Structures are given as structure tokens and as C-alpha cells.
Amino acid sequence: MDIYNFVQDAQLQRLTCLLLLFNLQRFDASNNSFSGSIPSSVSRFSPSIVRLDFSKNDFVGPISHDFGQCHNLLRLRAGFNNLSGAIPNELTGMIPQDIGRLSNLEQSSSLKVNFLLLISPNSFSLDQLTSGIISSEATTIKPFLCKNLIAIRMATNSFNGKVLPEIMALQFLSFLSLPNNSPNNITNAMRILIGCKNLSTLILSKNFYNEPLPGDEDLIRTGEFQNLQVLGLGGCGFAGLIPIWLSRLDKLEVLDLSLNNITGSVPGWFGDLPNLFYLDLSQNLLSGNFTMELIKLRRLATQQTLDQVEQSYLELTVFVQPNNASNLQSNQLSNLPPAIYLRNNGINGTIPIEIGQLKFNVALDLSNNNFSGSIPDTIANLTNLEKLDLSSNNLSGQIPASLKNLHFLSLFMLSNNNLEGLMPVGGQFDIFSKSSFEGNPLLCGKIL
């Protein structure tokens, strides 16, 4: 038998019997109302079993150490239950070392939405493990011994301490996501992670709280992190300037530095990053004028370079925007919107007319800054825009009538400025609500 999936009214006795089927390869008991403990007959599984799924039930008690007898197991899921003990939903101990006998395990998400207090150095000595997801609560990060790991995500835990040099032994590691934990010493962490030569995705958001952003110009040298495409450092409260070592990440496509305390101006070298198409600097303390070099972002200016965005699938889902991850996640970089987010800073001056050159930009958010002057008519050239937010600035003059030709706009905000005159009508202007325009005392139109 290849697969057996249970219906809602199945009984636990049937589960126990079916576990004994000699040729069973995949066993799915998820999304039911099973209660009690997972049967100890798991130890008599056929040697051919490759996938087990007990997730989303009402199982209680520990998961038996006999799982270690399933030598050909490739995938194990037991999350969303009420388990306790060694591998539970409310974990109170270490992952048993017996799980290390599952030498062919390729992917494990069995600890998702659990509470993990400690990871033993021997707990993941699984040479064939290629990806692991742990959404748990833990107090210590121990070195992984899964030499073939290519992807790790440990989100929303209480990991503390330092990133250990042993992680460099994972020579195939390309995806590392550790958001919302409590490690320290970002400078030391970056110096160690440089040793992971194949890293393409690195998410360290909501960590290293209130440390200074590493400013050492030589922290990353030319040729290091040569495969890095995604870097998430949002929500850490980092202080200091945007460091110049970021300019050496030639393959960088996605950069999130939002929700920090970064000061200074937006550096001009951003425009020299040949592959950058998603830049989030929102909710910082940035000042100065709109950096003209951002107009040079090739991935936002030409279709040919935008088409070069990586089309292959990431090892695991990538989350960006640390406080709003559920609304912006993808397992393919090409699904992320080409975007510039500068909201909630202190950037001033005018919005340059050259901004119309970024015609493949999908999201432009300049809200809650100190921009003044008129809205450039050239924004109408950004025909791919789906989100345009210029609210809460000091913009004046009339709303360009040409903006009604931005046919893909789903969010349009001009509120709380000093705009005046009659609002344009027709096109997209007929679908937006009063909230998009209120807070402009001299602006008039039917909707107001």
C-alpha cells in the first residue's frame, strides 16, 4: 500500500492495525480528531515506510522512541497536537537521540508550533537531512551535525547566545532563517556566516535587539557572500549608518533594513547594486533628500533586467517585512514585488521627476516623511504600480490628472498633505475612498 488517509470518523483501533501493513510507504492520519497517544506499534512499521503524518489531531503524551526504528523515513509530521515529553507540542525536554537513527530523513517540520527548550548536539545528526523547520521556543542554539542540510528555519523562539562557528560545517547550506529570537553580537554572527559559502537567503530579522549595525568597512569583502540574494535585517532596532559593506553584495536582490534606528542618508551606492529590485528602509531615522542614485536601479528600470530575477523555487518560504510576514511571503523571488519602501523616516526635499524612469516598480511608499513640492507628473510613467503611498508629507499643488491612467493601482494614498484644487475624475480615481484624500483642506471634489 502506498498511501492511507483517514476520514473524520476513523477510530484509533483502525490506525493501530493499519500501521502493521507490511508494504506501507506513506501514512497520513492528519486533520482528524484522533485522541489518546500515538500507538506504540509504530515500532513495527514496515521497513519501507517513508512518510508519516500525525499532524492536526488531539494526540497526547509522548512520541515513542521507537520512531528510531523507521530507518527509511523521509518525512515526519506531528505538529498541531497536544503532545508532551520528548517531541511534543508543548516540549519540555530534549529531542531524543534515537531520532538520529533516521539517516535518510530529508525534511522535518514535526516541531512546528511546539515549544522546544533545548536542542542536543546529537539530536540532528542526520546525514541526509536537507531541510528543517522549527517553530518553537528554545533557550540555546547548539551546532547541527546534519552535514547535508541546505535549509534551516527556526522562527519565533527564544534562542540566545551566539551563532556558533560549527555552522560553517554545513557546506551545502543555502537558506538560513532565524527570525524573532534573542541571539547577540551581530558582528560576530556575520563574520561566522561568511563561512557558509553557499548561502543565498539569510533572514536574521527581529534579533540582536538595539545593537549597533556593524560599521566595519571590511566586515564583508569583495567575493564574500558571493551567492547571497536575500538579506533580512529588519526589526532589530539597529543603530548607526547603512554600512558600506552591503555595496559588495553584487547578487543581492532583496534587502530589508526596516524597523531599525538607522540614521544618516540613503547612500548612493544602492544604485550600483546590479540585481537589487526590492528595498525596504521604512521605519528608520533616515534624513536628507531622495537619493537620485536610486533611479539607477536597473531591475526597476528595464524589463530585460527584471526578467533576470531568479525564477527557481527557494528551499523554504521566505518572509519579508518582519511585522507583517503573513502578507508578504513567497517561495520564489520572482513573486516578490519590485518595490521601494521609504515610509516613516525624515527624508525631505522634492520627489524627483526622474522617478518616472522606474517604470517596472510595483510598490512605491514614501509616506510619513517630509517631502515637499508638487507630485511629479512623471509618476504616471510607472504603469506597473499597484501601490502608491505619498500620504503624511508636505506635498502641495494639484494632483496630476495623468495619475488616473495607473490602471493597476489597488492602493493609492495622498492623505494629510497640502494638496489643493479639483480632484481628477475617471479611471482609477473613481474606485478610491475618501480616506485616500482627506487631510488636504484645500482639495475639493465629489468624494470630499
Protein backbone atom coordinates (compact mmCIF):
# COMPACT_ATOMS: atom_id res chain seq x y z
CA MET A 1 0.00 0.00 0.00
CA ASP A 2 1.29 3.43 -0.89
CA ILE A 3 -0.96 5.95 0.92
CA TYR A 4 -3.69 5.71 3.52
CA ASN A 5 -5.52 8.85 4.55
CA PHE A 6 -8.15 8.77 7.30
CA VAL A 7 -11.64 10.20 7.24
CA GLN A 8 -13.08 12.12 10.13
CA ASP A 9 -14.91 9.18 11.79
CA ALA A 10 -11.97 6.75 11.73
CA GLN A 11 -11.17 5.04 15.01
CA LEU A 12 -7.81 4.80 16.70
CA GLN A 13 -8.05 0.99 16.63
CA ARG A 14 -8.05 1.08 12.82
CA LEU A 15 -5.00 3.31 12.96
CA THR A 16 -3.12 0.75 15.07
CA CYS A 17 -3.96 -2.09 12.71
CA LEU A 18 -3.04 -0.24 9.58
CA LEU A 19 0.36 0.63 10.96
CA LEU A 20 1.22 -3.06 10.62
CA LEU A 21 0.73 -3.24 6.86
CA PHE A 22 3.94 -4.71 5.52
CA ASN A 23 4.39 -2.63 2.38
CA LEU A 24 3.11 0.69 3.73
CA GLN A 25 5.17 3.55 2.33
CA ARG A 26 3.19 6.70 3.17
CA PHE A 27 0.83 7.04 6.09
CA ASP A 28 -1.34 10.17 6.52
CA ALA A 29 -3.52 10.49 9.61
CA SER A 30 -3.59 14.29 9.62
CA ASN A 31 -6.60 16.60 10.01
CA ASN A 32 -8.75 14.24 12.06
CA SER A 33 -9.92 14.06 15.66
CA PHE A 34 -7.74 11.23 16.92
CA SER A 35 -7.08 11.32 20.65
CA GLY A 36 -5.03 9.31 23.09
CA SER A 37 -1.40 8.50 22.43
CA ILE A 38 0.20 7.67 19.12
CA PRO A 39 0.27 3.83 19.11
CA SER A 40 3.46 2.14 20.25
CA SER A 41 3.03 -0.25 17.31
CA VAL A 42 4.91 2.36 15.35
CA SER A 43 7.98 0.26 16.11
CA ARG A 44 6.58 -2.49 13.84
CA PHE A 45 6.29 -0.25 10.77
CA SER A 46 7.34 -1.79 7.51
CA PRO A 47 10.98 -1.03 6.66
CA SER A 48 9.63 0.64 3.52
CA ILE A 49 7.79 3.47 5.35
CA VAL A 50 8.98 6.84 4.02
CA ARG A 51 6.35 9.37 5.16
CA LEU A 52 4.36 9.73 8.37
CA ASP A 53 1.87 12.47 9.16
CA PHE A 54 0.07 12.63 12.52
CA SER A 55 -0.40 16.41 12.48
CA LYS A 56 -3.58 18.36 13.38
CA ASN A 57 -5.20 15.88 15.75
CA ASP A 58 -5.70 15.65 19.52
CA PHE A 59 -2.91 13.23 20.35
CA VAL A 60 -1.47 13.50 23.86
CA GLY A 61 1.52 12.04 25.64
CA PRO A 62 5.00 11.43 24.28
CA ILE A 63 6.05 10.30 20.84
CA SER A 64 7.68 6.90 21.24
CA HIS A 65 11.42 6.50 20.90
CA ASP A 66 10.53 3.64 18.53
CA PHE A 67 10.41 6.18 15.71
CA GLY A 68 14.13 5.50 15.53
CA GLN A 69 13.35 2.08 14.06
CA CYS A 70 11.95 3.63 10.87
CA HIS A 71 15.26 3.71 9.03
CA ASN A 72 13.85 4.76 5.65
CA LEU A 73 11.69 7.59 6.95
CA LEU A 74 11.97 10.71 4.78
CA ARG A 75 9.28 12.98 6.28
CA LEU A 76 7.72 13.10 9.73
CA ARG A 77 4.95 15.50 10.82
CA ALA A 78 3.43 15.59 14.29
CA GLY A 79 2.68 19.26 14.86
CA PHE A 80 -0.61 20.83 15.97
CA ASN A 81 -1.36 18.27 18.69
CA ASN A 82 -1.19 18.23 22.49
CA LEU A 83 1.88 16.08 22.80
CA SER A 84 4.26 16.24 25.72
CA GLY A 85 7.61 14.82 26.55
CA ALA A 86 10.41 14.25 24.11
CA ILE A 87 8.95 15.52 20.81
CA PRO A 88 5.72 17.19 21.88
CA ASN A 89 3.54 20.11 21.04
CA GLU A 90 4.46 21.61 24.40
CA LEU A 91 8.01 20.34 24.52
CA THR A 92 9.60 20.01 27.93
CA GLY A 93 12.82 18.17 27.16
CA MET A 94 15.39 17.36 24.53
CA ILE A 95 14.74 15.78 21.17
CA PRO A 96 15.68 12.15 21.82
CA GLN A 97 18.92 10.97 20.32
CA ASP A 98 17.08 7.96 18.84
CA ILE A 99 15.73 10.22 16.11
CA GLY A 100 19.28 10.40 14.87
CA ARG A 101 18.88 6.86 13.52
CA LEU A 102 16.60 8.22 10.78
CA SER A 103 19.56 8.52 8.47
CA ASN A 104 17.51 9.10 5.32
CA LEU A 105 15.31 11.89 6.67
CA GLU A 106 15.09 14.68 4.09
CA GLN A 107 12.63 17.15 5.61
CA SER A 108 11.21 17.63 9.08
CA SER A 109 8.53 20.09 10.12
CA SER A 110 7.33 17.95 13.01
CA LEU A 111 8.22 20.57 15.61
CA LYS A 112 6.22 23.36 14.02
CA VAL A 113 4.12 25.21 16.60
CA ASN A 114 5.76 23.44 19.51
CA PHE A 115 7.85 24.56 22.45
CA LEU A 116 11.44 23.39 22.36
CA LEU A 117 13.67 24.04 25.35
CA LEU A 118 16.92 22.52 24.22
CA ILE A 119 18.41 21.09 21.08
CA SER A 120 21.02 18.47 21.82
CA PRO A 121 24.15 18.45 19.64
CA ASN A 122 23.32 14.82 18.77
CA SER A 123 19.66 15.35 18.13
CA PHE A 124 20.06 16.22 14.47
CA SER A 125 22.99 14.04 13.43
CA LEU A 126 21.03 13.11 10.32
CA ASP A 127 23.39 13.00 7.39
CA GLN A 128 20.62 13.07 4.76
CA LEU A 129 18.51 15.84 6.31
CA THR A 130 18.13 18.58 3.71
CA SER A 131 15.68 20.98 5.33
CA GLY A 132 14.25 21.59 8.75
CA ILE A 133 11.56 23.91 10.13
CA ILE A 134 11.37 24.50 13.86
CA SER A 135 8.81 26.98 15.13
CA SER A 136 9.39 26.54 18.78
CA GLU A 137 10.65 28.14 21.94
CA ALA A 138 14.23 27.41 22.79
CA THR A 139 16.91 28.81 25.00
CA THR A 140 20.06 27.56 23.35
CA ILE A 141 21.27 27.05 19.79
CA LYS A 142 23.51 24.02 19.56
CA PRO A 143 25.54 23.04 16.50
CA PHE A 144 23.82 20.97 13.84
CA LEU A 145 25.53 17.82 12.65
CA CYS A 146 23.34 17.30 9.59
CA LYS A 147 26.09 17.68 7.06
CA ASN A 148 23.81 17.78 4.03
CA LEU A 149 21.42 20.45 5.33
CA ILE A 150 20.53 23.01 2.70
CA ALA A 151 17.77 24.89 4.56
CA ILE A 152 17.05 25.81 8.19
CA ARG A 153 14.24 27.93 9.56
CA MET A 154 13.91 28.45 13.33
CA ALA A 155 11.32 31.16 13.75
CA THR A 156 9.79 32.73 16.85
CA ASN A 157 11.89 31.09 19.51
CA SER A 158 13.88 32.29 22.49
CA PHE A 159 17.28 31.32 21.15
CA ASN A 160 20.01 33.29 22.83
CA GLY A 161 23.77 33.33 22.91
CA LYS A 162 25.91 33.50 19.81
CA VAL A 163 25.86 31.91 16.39
CA LEU A 164 28.46 29.17 16.66
CA PRO A 165 31.33 28.57 14.19
CA GLU A 166 30.21 24.94 13.81
CA ILE A 167 27.53 26.10 11.39
CA MET A 168 30.27 26.54 8.80
CA ALA A 169 30.46 22.74 8.60
CA LEU A 170 27.15 22.84 6.72
CA GLN A 171 28.84 23.28 3.36
CA PHE A 172 25.57 22.95 1.38
CA LEU A 173 23.55 25.40 3.49
CA SER A 174 21.87 27.95 1.22
CA PHE A 175 18.80 29.01 3.26
CA LEU A 176 19.05 30.20 6.88
CA SER A 177 16.15 31.92 8.61
CA LEU A 178 16.26 32.66 12.36
CA PRO A 179 13.72 35.48 12.82
CA ASN A 180 12.34 36.61 16.17
CA ASN A 181 14.87 35.17 18.60
CA SER A 182 17.36 36.57 21.11
CA PRO A 183 20.91 35.98 19.88
CA ASN A 184 23.57 38.62 20.42
CA ASN A 185 26.64 40.04 18.69
CA ILE A 186 25.56 40.64 15.11
CA THR A 187 29.13 41.45 14.09
CA ASN A 188 30.41 38.08 15.23
CA ALA A 189 27.43 36.32 13.62
CA MET A 190 28.10 37.90 10.21
CA ARG A 191 31.79 37.01 10.37
CA ILE A 192 30.91 33.39 11.03
CA LEU A 193 28.15 33.18 8.44
CA ILE A 194 30.54 34.42 5.76
CA GLY A 195 31.98 30.92 6.05
CA CYS A 196 28.74 29.42 4.70
CA LYS A 197 29.82 29.83 1.11
CA ASN A 198 26.53 28.74 -0.48
CA LEU A 199 24.17 31.00 1.48
CA SER A 200 21.66 32.62 -0.84
CA THR A 201 18.98 33.53 1.74
CA LEU A 202 19.80 34.94 5.18
CA ILE A 203 16.96 36.15 7.43
CA LEU A 204 18.02 37.48 10.84
CA SER A 205 15.08 39.83 11.42
CA LYS A 206 13.92 40.71 14.96
CA ASN A 207 17.18 39.65 16.59
CA PHE A 208 20.25 41.36 18.12
CA TYR A 209 17.99 43.99 19.65
CA ASN A 210 19.37 47.52 19.85
CA GLU A 211 22.91 46.58 18.89
CA PRO A 212 24.84 48.86 16.51
CA LEU A 213 24.70 47.80 12.89
CA PRO A 214 28.22 46.56 12.05
CA GLY A 215 30.05 49.51 10.54
CA ASP A 216 33.42 47.90 9.86
CA GLU A 217 34.05 48.64 6.19
CA ASP A 218 35.97 45.37 5.81
CA LEU A 219 33.38 43.17 7.54
CA ILE A 220 32.43 41.76 4.15
CA ARG A 221 34.99 41.96 1.41
CA THR A 222 34.65 41.60 -2.32
CA GLY A 223 33.89 37.98 -3.18
CA GLU A 224 32.40 37.08 0.20
CA PHE A 225 28.70 36.20 0.43
CA GLN A 226 29.02 35.88 -3.34
CA ASN A 227 25.73 33.92 -3.62
CA LEU A 228 23.61 36.00 -1.24
CA GLN A 229 20.33 37.08 -2.87
CA VAL A 230 18.09 37.79 0.14
CA LEU A 231 19.18 39.59 3.31
CA GLY A 232 16.67 40.35 6.08
CA LEU A 233 17.84 42.50 8.99
CA GLY A 234 14.55 44.18 9.85
CA GLY A 235 13.03 44.79 13.25
CA CYS A 236 16.29 44.63 15.20
CA GLY A 237 16.48 48.21 16.43
CA PHE A 238 19.92 48.56 14.86
CA ALA A 239 21.60 51.93 15.34
CA GLY A 240 24.19 53.58 13.12
CA LEU A 241 24.55 54.26 9.41
CA ILE A 242 23.78 51.95 6.49
CA PRO A 243 27.13 50.13 6.19
CA ILE A 244 29.17 50.28 3.02
CA TRP A 245 29.94 46.56 3.09
CA LEU A 246 26.41 46.00 1.74
CA SER A 247 27.60 47.54 -1.53
CA ARG A 248 29.78 44.47 -2.13
CA LEU A 249 26.84 42.05 -2.31
CA ASP A 250 26.65 42.00 -6.09
CA LYS A 251 23.98 39.28 -6.27
CA LEU A 252 21.70 40.88 -3.69
CA GLU A 253 18.11 41.09 -4.94
CA VAL A 254 16.09 41.63 -1.75
CA LEU A 255 17.21 43.81 1.20
CA ASP A 256 15.13 44.54 4.31
CA LEU A 257 16.50 47.03 6.87
CA SER A 258 13.11 48.20 8.11
CA LEU A 259 12.08 48.82 11.72
CA ASN A 260 15.50 49.87 12.94
CA ASN A 261 17.07 53.10 14.25
CA ILE A 262 19.35 53.70 11.28
CA THR A 263 20.42 57.31 10.78
CA GLY A 264 22.05 59.34 8.01
CA SER A 265 21.00 59.50 4.38
CA VAL A 266 20.24 56.78 1.85
CA PRO A 267 23.64 56.01 0.29
CA GLY A 268 24.08 56.48 -3.43
CA TRP A 269 25.80 53.15 -3.97
CA PHE A 270 22.41 51.38 -3.76
CA GLY A 271 22.01 52.36 -7.41
CA ASP A 272 25.13 50.36 -8.27
CA LEU A 273 23.78 47.04 -6.98
CA PRO A 274 23.05 45.36 -10.32
CA ASN A 275 20.39 42.91 -9.10
CA LEU A 276 18.55 44.77 -6.34
CA PHE A 277 14.81 45.06 -7.00
CA TYR A 278 13.27 45.04 -3.50
CA LEU A 279 14.49 47.65 -0.99
CA ASP A 280 12.80 48.27 2.37
CA LEU A 281 14.27 51.05 4.52
CA SER A 282 10.99 52.00 6.18
CA GLN A 283 10.58 53.00 9.83
CA ASN A 284 14.10 54.25 10.49
CA LEU A 285 15.59 57.67 11.28
CA LEU A 286 16.90 58.43 7.80
CA SER A 287 17.20 62.04 6.62
CA GLY A 288 18.40 64.03 3.63
CA ASN A 289 16.89 64.16 0.15
CA PHE A 290 15.61 61.38 -2.06
CA THR A 291 18.81 59.76 -3.32
CA MET A 292 18.94 60.25 -7.06
CA GLU A 293 21.08 57.14 -7.46
CA LEU A 294 18.01 55.01 -6.64
CA ILE A 295 16.78 55.97 -10.10
CA LYS A 296 19.65 53.86 -11.43
CA LEU A 297 18.25 50.59 -10.04
CA ARG A 298 18.33 48.56 -13.23
CA ARG A 299 15.89 45.91 -12.08
CA LEU A 300 13.23 48.61 -11.69
CA ALA A 301 14.04 50.49 -14.87
CA THR A 302 14.25 47.88 -17.63
CA GLN A 303 12.17 44.84 -18.45
CA GLN A 304 15.19 42.87 -19.59
CA THR A 305 16.94 43.04 -16.23
CA LEU A 306 13.69 42.47 -14.33
CA ASP A 307 13.20 39.25 -16.29
CA GLN A 308 16.52 38.07 -14.90
CA VAL A 309 15.11 37.79 -11.37
CA GLU A 310 15.64 34.27 -10.10
CA GLN A 311 12.76 32.06 -11.27
CA SER A 312 13.64 28.90 -9.37
CA TYR A 313 11.97 27.97 -6.10
CA LEU A 314 13.59 28.68 -2.76
CA GLU A 315 14.19 25.80 -0.37
CA LEU A 316 11.63 27.20 2.09
CA THR A 317 9.22 30.11 2.12
CA VAL A 318 10.95 33.45 2.57
CA PHE A 319 9.30 36.00 4.85
CA VAL A 320 9.95 39.71 4.50
CA GLN A 321 8.55 42.68 6.41
CA PRO A 322 9.14 41.41 9.98
CA ASN A 323 5.86 42.70 11.44
CA ASN A 324 3.69 41.69 8.51
CA ALA A 325 5.19 38.46 7.26
CA SER A 326 1.90 36.72 6.56
CA ASN A 327 1.03 39.29 3.92
CA LEU A 328 4.30 39.11 2.07
CA GLN A 329 5.87 35.71 1.76
CA SER A 330 6.99 33.62 -1.14
CA ASN A 331 8.99 30.58 -2.08
CA GLN A 332 10.06 32.21 -5.34
CA LEU A 333 11.89 35.53 -5.61
CA SER A 334 10.11 36.40 -8.83
CA ASN A 335 6.84 36.55 -6.86
CA LEU A 336 8.05 39.42 -4.68
CA PRO A 337 7.02 42.86 -5.93
CA PRO A 338 9.73 45.18 -7.30
CA ALA A 339 9.49 47.85 -4.64
CA ILE A 340 10.98 50.81 -2.79
CA TYR A 341 9.73 51.35 0.77
CA LEU A 342 10.94 54.54 2.50
CA ARG A 343 7.95 55.26 4.75
CA ASN A 344 8.31 56.61 8.30
CA ASN A 345 11.63 58.40 8.02
CA GLY A 346 12.69 62.04 7.94
CA ILE A 347 13.52 62.32 4.23
CA ASN A 348 12.87 65.78 2.79
CA GLY A 349 13.15 67.78 -0.41
CA THR A 350 11.17 67.15 -3.55
CA ILE A 351 10.26 63.91 -5.26
CA PRO A 352 12.47 64.00 -8.37
CA ILE A 353 10.84 63.96 -11.78
CA GLU A 354 13.31 61.24 -12.77
CA ILE A 355 11.35 58.81 -10.61
CA GLY A 356 9.29 58.12 -13.72
CA GLN A 357 12.21 56.06 -15.04
CA LEU A 358 11.46 53.26 -12.56
CA LYS A 359 8.62 52.11 -14.77
CA PHE A 360 8.66 48.49 -13.66
CA ASN A 361 8.26 49.35 -9.99
CA VAL A 362 5.18 47.76 -8.42
CA ALA A 363 5.17 49.39 -4.98
CA LEU A 364 6.36 52.88 -4.04
CA ASP A 365 5.85 54.00 -0.45
CA LEU A 366 7.20 57.44 0.54
CA SER A 367 4.64 58.12 3.26
CA ASN A 368 5.30 59.76 6.62
CA ASN A 369 8.34 61.77 5.56
CA ASN A 370 8.96 65.47 4.92
CA PHE A 371 8.69 65.58 1.13
CA SER A 372 7.60 68.96 -0.22
CA GLY A 373 6.80 70.48 -3.59
CA SER A 374 4.41 69.05 -6.15
CA ILE A 375 3.67 65.46 -7.15
CA PRO A 376 5.70 64.78 -10.32
CA ASP A 377 3.55 64.18 -13.36
CA THR A 378 6.14 61.56 -14.40
CA ILE A 379 4.81 59.12 -11.79
CA ALA A 380 2.19 58.34 -14.45
CA ASN A 381 5.01 56.53 -16.32
CA LEU A 382 5.09 53.87 -13.57
CA THR A 383 2.37 51.90 -15.32
CA ASN A 384 3.02 48.74 -13.28
CA LEU A 385 2.33 50.41 -9.95
CA GLU A 386 -0.09 48.55 -7.69
CA LYS A 387 0.68 50.54 -4.54
CA LEU A 388 1.44 54.27 -4.32
CA ASP A 389 1.54 55.92 -0.91
CA LEU A 390 2.55 59.58 -0.62
CA SER A 391 0.49 60.34 2.47
CA SER A 392 1.60 62.38 5.50
CA ASN A 393 4.14 64.62 3.80
CA ASN A 394 4.18 68.33 2.91
CA LEU A 395 3.25 67.97 -0.76
CA SER A 396 1.42 70.88 -2.38
CA GLY A 397 -0.16 71.83 -5.68
CA GLN A 398 -2.68 69.86 -7.67
CA ILE A 399 -2.97 66.12 -8.19
CA PRO A 400 -1.70 65.34 -11.72
CA ALA A 401 -4.64 64.20 -13.84
CA SER A 402 -2.33 61.74 -15.60
CA LEU A 403 -2.29 59.50 -12.48
CA LYS A 404 -5.75 58.21 -13.39
CA ASN A 405 -4.02 56.15 -16.08
CA LEU A 406 -2.29 53.98 -13.48
CA HIS A 407 -4.73 51.17 -14.12
CA PHE A 408 -3.24 48.59 -11.76
CA LEU A 409 -3.37 50.71 -8.60
CA SER A 410 -5.07 48.89 -5.74
CA LEU A 411 -3.76 51.21 -3.01
CA PHE A 412 -3.48 54.98 -3.51
CA MET A 413 -2.89 57.34 -0.58
CA LEU A 414 -2.44 61.13 -0.75
CA SER A 415 -3.97 61.99 2.62
CA ASN A 416 -2.51 64.53 5.06
CA ASN A 417 -0.64 66.80 2.69
CA ASN A 418 -1.22 70.36 1.45
CA LEU A 419 -2.75 69.48 -1.91
CA GLU A 420 -5.30 71.78 -3.46
CA GLY A 421 -7.65 72.22 -6.37
CA LEU A 422 -10.15 69.94 -8.02
CA MET A 423 -9.52 66.21 -7.86
CA PRO A 424 -9.18 64.37 -11.18
CA VAL A 425 -12.09 62.13 -12.12
CA GLY A 426 -12.30 58.95 -14.13
CA GLY A 427 -10.03 55.95 -14.30
CA GLN A 428 -8.64 54.76 -11.00
CA PHE A 429 -9.84 57.90 -9.19
CA ASP A 430 -13.37 56.52 -9.27
CA ILE A 431 -12.54 53.49 -7.11
CA PHE A 432 -10.72 55.05 -4.15
CA SER A 433 -12.42 56.12 -0.95
CA LYS A 434 -12.40 59.41 0.89
CA SER A 435 -9.59 58.17 3.17
CA SER A 436 -7.19 58.32 0.24
CA PHE A 437 -7.53 62.11 0.02
CA GLU A 438 -8.67 63.50 3.38
CA GLY A 439 -6.41 65.81 5.35
CA ASN A 440 -5.90 68.18 2.41
CA PRO A 441 -8.06 71.21 3.40
CA LEU A 442 -7.80 72.92 0.00
CA LEU A 443 -8.57 69.83 -2.06
CA CYS A 444 -12.10 69.55 -3.43
CA GLY A 445 -14.09 67.01 -5.40
CA LYS A 446 -17.26 64.98 -5.28
CA ILE A 447 -15.87 62.33 -2.94
CA LEU A 448 -14.86 65.01 -0.43
